[in-house]
């Protein structure tokens, strides 16, 4: 099965770099990549950092994806806000009409927790779109 439009969630600049590196060998049939950074809201509690700081960080994270992939595939970026990162990622995939969500699981990363968490397991078990785990790129 080939996916024409992939949504890639990215949690940090390092995550963006690793994800793009892992994805780079699988772009032959991909027309478009939408990179999404989710700013997690505390849902009534105090947020982890000031919103403006997190927006600035988000811009840098998404720019890292553009820098890594825009010479190979059409790249779109967006920022989402949500109290549940997994649900927000799938909302984003639906919003942009992505064929699949592709990610690079790394120990301890937000994306690895995405698949390990209770809500995430429920979403991945019966998602609206396929979820693709990108392999470790060959050095």
Foldseek 3Di string as FASTA:
>chain_A
DDWQEEEEEAAALVQLVQFLLLCVVPCPRYAEYEYEYEQADQVPDDGPDDPVVVVVRQVVNQVSNCVSPVVPHHYHYDYHYYNQVLVRSLVVCVVVVGQEYEGEDDPPDPVVVLCVDPVSVVCQVDPPHHYHHGDRDDD
